[in-house]
Amino acid sequence: MGKTSQMLLGIMAAGLAFAIILAFSGIGMPKEEEAVEKEPVTLEQVEARVQNACISCHGADLTGAGGPSLHNLGLDHDEIVDILVNGISPMMPGGLAKGMEDEVADYLLTLE
C-alpha cells in the first residue's frame, strides 16, 4: 500500500471516528425542548378566556346562541380538549383556548 493510500485511509478513519463521536454526543443535533413549568392558571383567567372566546357563539351564559349550549356536554375531558385544540368544522375553530385547554375543559365540565 502506498503512502498516499495509507494517508487517505487514515483521513477516512479519522472522519469516521469523528462522525461516530458526533452521533453519540448529540453535537449538532437540535436540543429537545426543555420542559417549562407553566404557572398555575386561575379561575378568573379561565373565565376571562371563556368570555373572550366562547360567548359570541354560545351565549353570555353559555347555554347556546348560534352555537350549542356548553352545559352538560356529555363529553369527557379529553374529548373537550380535542375540540378546543382542533375545532369542529366548519363553525368551531380550534385554538381558541390555546395554552389553557385543560383548564377550560375542566371549567366546562362544571357547567350544569
N, C-alpha and C. Protein backbone atom coordinates (compact mmCIF):
# COMPACT_ATOMS: atom_id res chain seq x y z
N MET A 1 0.86 -1.16 0.00
CA MET A 1 0.00 0.00 0.00
C MET A 1 0.90 1.22 0.00
N GLY A 2 0.59 2.15 -0.87
CA GLY A 2 1.41 3.33 -0.99
C GLY A 2 1.15 4.33 0.12
N LYS A 3 2.06 5.30 0.21
CA LYS A 3 1.96 6.32 1.25
C LYS A 3 0.66 7.13 1.10
N THR A 4 0.25 7.44 -0.12
CA THR A 4 -0.98 8.19 -0.37
C THR A 4 -2.20 7.39 0.08
N SER A 5 -2.20 6.09 -0.20
CA SER A 5 -3.31 5.23 0.21
C SER A 5 -3.41 5.16 1.72
N GLN A 6 -2.26 5.04 2.40
CA GLN A 6 -2.27 4.99 3.86
C GLN A 6 -2.78 6.31 4.44
N MET A 7 -2.37 7.42 3.85
CA MET A 7 -2.81 8.72 4.33
C MET A 7 -4.32 8.87 4.12
N LEU A 8 -4.80 8.43 2.98
CA LEU A 8 -6.23 8.50 2.68
C LEU A 8 -7.02 7.64 3.66
N LEU A 9 -6.54 6.42 3.94
CA LEU A 9 -7.21 5.56 4.91
C LEU A 9 -7.21 6.19 6.30
N GLY A 10 -6.12 6.81 6.67
CA GLY A 10 -6.04 7.48 7.96
C GLY A 10 -7.04 8.62 8.07
N ILE A 11 -7.16 9.41 7.02
CA ILE A 11 -8.12 10.51 6.99
C ILE A 11 -9.55 9.98 7.08
N MET A 12 -9.82 8.90 6.33
CA MET A 12 -11.16 8.31 6.35
C MET A 12 -11.48 7.75 7.73
N ALA A 13 -10.50 7.09 8.36
CA ALA A 13 -10.71 6.53 9.70
C ALA A 13 -10.96 7.65 10.70
N ALA A 14 -10.20 8.74 10.59
CA ALA A 14 -10.39 9.87 11.49
C ALA A 14 -11.77 10.50 11.28
N GLY A 15 -12.18 10.63 10.03
CA GLY A 15 -13.50 11.17 9.73
C GLY A 15 -14.61 10.29 10.27
N LEU A 16 -14.45 8.98 10.12
CA LEU A 16 -15.44 8.05 10.64
C LEU A 16 -15.51 8.14 12.16
N ALA A 17 -14.36 8.19 12.81
CA ALA A 17 -14.34 8.31 14.27
C ALA A 17 -15.02 9.60 14.71
N PHE A 18 -14.74 10.69 13.99
CA PHE A 18 -15.36 11.98 14.32
C PHE A 18 -16.88 11.91 14.16
N ALA A 19 -17.34 11.27 13.07
CA ALA A 19 -18.78 11.14 12.83
C ALA A 19 -19.45 10.32 13.93
N ILE A 20 -18.79 9.27 14.38
CA ILE A 20 -19.34 8.43 15.45
C ILE A 20 -19.42 9.23 16.75
N ILE A 21 -18.37 9.98 17.04
CA ILE A 21 -18.38 10.81 18.26
C ILE A 21 -19.51 11.83 18.20
N LEU A 22 -19.69 12.48 17.06
CA LEU A 22 -20.78 13.45 16.92
C LEU A 22 -22.14 12.79 17.10
N ALA A 23 -22.29 11.61 16.51
CA ALA A 23 -23.58 10.92 16.59
C ALA A 23 -23.96 10.58 18.03
N PHE A 24 -22.98 10.16 18.80
CA PHE A 24 -23.28 9.76 20.17
C PHE A 24 -23.25 10.91 21.16
N SER A 25 -22.65 12.02 20.80
CA SER A 25 -22.58 13.15 21.72
C SER A 25 -23.77 14.09 21.57
N GLY A 26 -24.44 14.03 20.44
CA GLY A 26 -25.57 14.92 20.20
C GLY A 26 -25.16 16.28 19.70
N ILE A 27 -23.85 16.50 19.48
CA ILE A 27 -23.39 17.78 18.96
C ILE A 27 -23.97 17.96 17.56
N GLY A 28 -24.50 19.12 17.33
CA GLY A 28 -25.06 19.41 16.01
C GLY A 28 -26.51 18.97 15.88
N MET A 29 -27.04 18.32 16.89
CA MET A 29 -28.44 17.88 16.86
C MET A 29 -29.29 18.93 17.56
N PRO A 30 -30.50 19.16 17.08
CA PRO A 30 -31.36 20.11 17.78
C PRO A 30 -31.67 19.59 19.17
N LYS A 31 -31.67 20.49 20.14
CA LYS A 31 -31.98 20.11 21.51
C LYS A 31 -33.47 19.89 21.66
N GLU A 32 -33.81 18.91 22.49
CA GLU A 32 -35.22 18.72 22.79
C GLU A 32 -35.68 19.92 23.59
N GLU A 33 -36.93 20.27 23.40
CA GLU A 33 -37.46 21.39 24.16
C GLU A 33 -37.41 21.04 25.63
N GLU A 34 -36.87 21.96 26.40
CA GLU A 34 -36.82 21.74 27.82
C GLU A 34 -38.22 21.95 28.38
N ALA A 35 -38.58 21.09 29.32
CA ALA A 35 -39.89 21.21 29.93
C ALA A 35 -39.95 22.51 30.72
N VAL A 36 -40.91 23.32 30.39
CA VAL A 36 -41.10 24.58 31.08
C VAL A 36 -42.32 24.43 31.97
N GLU A 37 -42.09 24.64 33.24
CA GLU A 37 -43.20 24.53 34.17
C GLU A 37 -44.07 25.76 34.00
N LYS A 38 -45.34 25.54 33.69
CA LYS A 38 -46.19 26.69 33.46
C LYS A 38 -46.85 27.12 34.76
N GLU A 39 -47.09 28.40 34.83
CA GLU A 39 -47.72 28.99 36.00
C GLU A 39 -49.13 28.41 36.15
N PRO A 40 -49.59 28.22 37.37
CA PRO A 40 -50.97 27.77 37.56
C PRO A 40 -51.94 28.81 36.99
N VAL A 41 -52.98 28.32 36.39
CA VAL A 41 -54.00 29.20 35.80
C VAL A 41 -55.10 29.39 36.83
N THR A 42 -55.50 30.64 37.02
CA THR A 42 -56.55 30.93 38.00
C THR A 42 -57.93 30.77 37.37
N LEU A 43 -58.92 30.61 38.20
CA LEU A 43 -60.30 30.52 37.74
C LEU A 43 -60.68 31.80 36.98
N GLU A 44 -60.22 32.93 37.46
CA GLU A 44 -60.52 34.20 36.80
C GLU A 44 -59.94 34.23 35.37
N GLN A 45 -58.74 33.69 35.20
CA GLN A 45 -58.14 33.64 33.87
C GLN A 45 -58.94 32.72 32.94
N VAL A 46 -59.38 31.59 33.47
CA VAL A 46 -60.18 30.66 32.67
C VAL A 46 -61.50 31.31 32.28
N GLU A 47 -62.17 31.92 33.25
CA GLU A 47 -63.45 32.57 32.96
C GLU A 47 -63.27 33.69 31.94
N ALA A 48 -62.18 34.45 32.05
CA ALA A 48 -61.92 35.52 31.07
C ALA A 48 -61.70 34.94 29.68
N ARG A 49 -60.97 33.84 29.58
CA ARG A 49 -60.74 33.20 28.28
C ARG A 49 -62.06 32.71 27.70
N VAL A 50 -62.88 32.09 28.52
CA VAL A 50 -64.17 31.59 28.06
C VAL A 50 -65.03 32.76 27.58
N GLN A 51 -65.06 33.84 28.35
CA GLN A 51 -65.84 35.01 27.96
C GLN A 51 -65.35 35.59 26.63
N ASN A 52 -64.05 35.67 26.47
CA ASN A 52 -63.49 36.24 25.23
C ASN A 52 -63.66 35.33 24.03
N ALA A 53 -63.61 34.03 24.24
CA ALA A 53 -63.57 33.10 23.11
C ALA A 53 -64.90 32.41 22.81
N CYS A 54 -65.79 32.32 23.79
CA CYS A 54 -66.95 31.44 23.63
C CYS A 54 -68.30 32.14 23.55
N ILE A 55 -68.46 33.27 24.25
CA ILE A 55 -69.81 33.82 24.38
C ILE A 55 -70.40 34.34 23.07
N SER A 56 -69.55 34.71 22.13
CA SER A 56 -70.11 35.23 20.88
C SER A 56 -70.93 34.18 20.14
N CYS A 57 -70.60 32.91 20.31
CA CYS A 57 -71.36 31.85 19.65
C CYS A 57 -72.24 31.05 20.61
N HIS A 58 -71.80 30.93 21.84
CA HIS A 58 -72.50 30.06 22.79
C HIS A 58 -73.34 30.83 23.80
N GLY A 59 -73.40 32.15 23.68
CA GLY A 59 -74.22 32.98 24.54
C GLY A 59 -73.50 33.36 25.82
N ALA A 60 -73.96 34.47 26.42
CA ALA A 60 -73.32 35.02 27.63
C ALA A 60 -73.31 34.02 28.78
N ASP A 61 -74.35 33.21 28.87
CA ASP A 61 -74.40 32.22 29.95
C ASP A 61 -74.01 30.82 29.46
N LEU A 62 -73.52 30.75 28.21
CA LEU A 62 -73.04 29.52 27.57
C LEU A 62 -74.13 28.46 27.40
N THR A 63 -75.39 28.89 27.40
CA THR A 63 -76.49 27.93 27.20
C THR A 63 -76.90 27.83 25.74
N GLY A 64 -76.16 28.51 24.88
CA GLY A 64 -76.42 28.38 23.46
C GLY A 64 -76.89 29.68 22.84
N ALA A 65 -76.46 29.90 21.63
CA ALA A 65 -76.89 31.03 20.81
C ALA A 65 -76.75 30.53 19.37
N GLY A 66 -75.77 31.03 18.64
CA GLY A 66 -75.50 30.49 17.31
C GLY A 66 -74.91 29.09 17.42
N GLY A 67 -74.14 28.87 18.48
CA GLY A 67 -73.57 27.56 18.76
C GLY A 67 -74.36 26.87 19.87
N PRO A 68 -74.12 25.60 20.09
CA PRO A 68 -74.89 24.86 21.09
C PRO A 68 -74.53 25.25 22.52
N SER A 69 -75.35 24.81 23.44
CA SER A 69 -75.09 25.00 24.86
C SER A 69 -73.81 24.27 25.25
N LEU A 70 -73.04 24.87 26.15
CA LEU A 70 -71.84 24.22 26.67
C LEU A 70 -72.08 23.61 28.04
N HIS A 71 -73.35 23.63 28.47
CA HIS A 71 -73.74 22.99 29.73
C HIS A 71 -74.04 21.52 29.46
N ASN A 72 -73.68 20.66 30.40
CA ASN A 72 -73.98 19.23 30.29
C ASN A 72 -73.62 18.69 28.90
N LEU A 73 -72.40 18.85 28.51
CA LEU A 73 -71.96 18.48 27.17
C LEU A 73 -72.05 16.99 26.86
N GLY A 74 -71.94 16.16 27.89
CA GLY A 74 -71.92 14.73 27.64
C GLY A 74 -70.61 14.25 27.03
N LEU A 75 -69.57 15.05 27.18
CA LEU A 75 -68.24 14.70 26.67
C LEU A 75 -67.29 14.57 27.85
N ASP A 76 -66.23 13.80 27.67
CA ASP A 76 -65.23 13.73 28.75
C ASP A 76 -64.16 14.79 28.51
N HIS A 77 -63.28 14.90 29.46
CA HIS A 77 -62.22 15.92 29.43
C HIS A 77 -61.42 15.87 28.13
N ASP A 78 -60.96 14.68 27.76
CA ASP A 78 -60.13 14.54 26.57
C ASP A 78 -60.87 14.92 25.29
N GLU A 79 -62.15 14.61 25.22
CA GLU A 79 -62.95 14.98 24.04
C GLU A 79 -63.09 16.50 23.94
N ILE A 80 -63.28 17.15 25.08
CA ILE A 80 -63.40 18.61 25.08
C ILE A 80 -62.07 19.23 24.67
N VAL A 81 -60.97 18.74 25.22
CA VAL A 81 -59.65 19.26 24.86
C VAL A 81 -59.42 19.09 23.37
N ASP A 82 -59.78 17.96 22.81
CA ASP A 82 -59.62 17.73 21.37
C ASP A 82 -60.39 18.77 20.56
N ILE A 83 -61.59 19.09 20.98
CA ILE A 83 -62.40 20.09 20.28
C ILE A 83 -61.75 21.47 20.43
N LEU A 84 -61.27 21.78 21.63
CA LEU A 84 -60.63 23.07 21.84
C LEU A 84 -59.37 23.22 20.99
N VAL A 85 -58.63 22.15 20.84
CA VAL A 85 -57.39 22.19 20.05
C VAL A 85 -57.69 22.20 18.56
N ASN A 86 -58.56 21.29 18.11
CA ASN A 86 -58.77 21.07 16.68
C ASN A 86 -60.01 21.73 16.10
N GLY A 87 -60.93 22.13 16.95
CA GLY A 87 -62.18 22.71 16.48
C GLY A 87 -63.11 21.65 15.91
N ILE A 88 -64.25 22.11 15.46
CA ILE A 88 -65.23 21.24 14.78
C ILE A 88 -65.61 21.99 13.51
N SER A 89 -65.27 21.42 12.41
CA SER A 89 -65.51 22.07 11.13
C SER A 89 -66.99 22.08 10.82
N PRO A 90 -67.53 23.09 10.23
CA PRO A 90 -66.89 24.30 9.74
C PRO A 90 -67.02 25.48 10.71
N MET A 91 -67.80 25.36 11.75
CA MET A 91 -68.14 26.53 12.57
C MET A 91 -67.18 26.82 13.72
N MET A 92 -66.73 25.80 14.42
CA MET A 92 -65.93 26.00 15.64
C MET A 92 -64.45 25.90 15.29
N PRO A 93 -63.73 27.01 15.34
CA PRO A 93 -62.29 26.95 15.05
C PRO A 93 -61.52 26.37 16.24
N GLY A 94 -60.41 25.76 15.96
CA GLY A 94 -59.54 25.28 17.02
C GLY A 94 -58.65 26.40 17.52
N GLY A 95 -58.01 26.17 18.63
CA GLY A 95 -57.02 27.09 19.15
C GLY A 95 -57.56 28.27 19.94
N LEU A 96 -58.85 28.29 20.24
CA LEU A 96 -59.40 29.43 20.96
C LEU A 96 -59.00 29.45 22.43
N ALA A 97 -58.60 28.32 22.97
CA ALA A 97 -58.19 28.25 24.38
C ALA A 97 -56.70 27.94 24.49
N LYS A 98 -55.95 28.32 23.49
CA LYS A 98 -54.53 27.96 23.38
C LYS A 98 -53.78 28.16 24.69
N GLY A 99 -53.17 27.07 25.14
CA GLY A 99 -52.41 27.08 26.38
C GLY A 99 -53.23 26.86 27.62
N MET A 100 -54.55 26.86 27.48
CA MET A 100 -55.45 26.68 28.63
C MET A 100 -56.49 25.59 28.37
N GLU A 101 -56.20 24.72 27.42
CA GLU A 101 -57.20 23.73 27.02
C GLU A 101 -57.66 22.87 28.20
N ASP A 102 -56.73 22.38 29.00
CA ASP A 102 -57.10 21.52 30.13
C ASP A 102 -57.97 22.27 31.13
N GLU A 103 -57.59 23.50 31.44
CA GLU A 103 -58.33 24.28 32.42
C GLU A 103 -59.72 24.65 31.90
N VAL A 104 -59.82 25.02 30.64
CA VAL A 104 -61.13 25.35 30.06
C VAL A 104 -62.01 24.11 30.02
N ALA A 105 -61.44 22.96 29.66
CA ALA A 105 -62.22 21.72 29.65
C ALA A 105 -62.74 21.41 31.05
N ASP A 106 -61.89 21.55 32.06
CA ASP A 106 -62.33 21.32 33.43
C ASP A 106 -63.46 22.27 33.81
N TYR A 107 -63.32 23.53 33.41
CA TYR A 107 -64.35 24.54 33.71
C TYR A 107 -65.67 24.16 33.04
N LEU A 108 -65.61 23.80 31.78
CA LEU A 108 -66.85 23.45 31.06
C LEU A 108 -67.53 22.24 31.67
N LEU A 109 -66.74 21.33 32.21
CA LEU A 109 -67.33 20.14 32.85
C LEU A 109 -68.07 20.47 34.13
N THR A 110 -67.86 21.68 34.68
CA THR A 110 -68.58 22.08 35.91
C THR A 110 -69.93 22.69 35.59
N LEU A 111 -70.18 23.05 34.33
CA LEU A 111 -71.42 23.71 33.96
C LEU A 111 -72.56 22.72 33.91
N GLU A 112 -73.61 23.03 34.64
CA GLU A 112 -74.80 22.16 34.64
C GLU A 112 -76.00 22.89 34.15
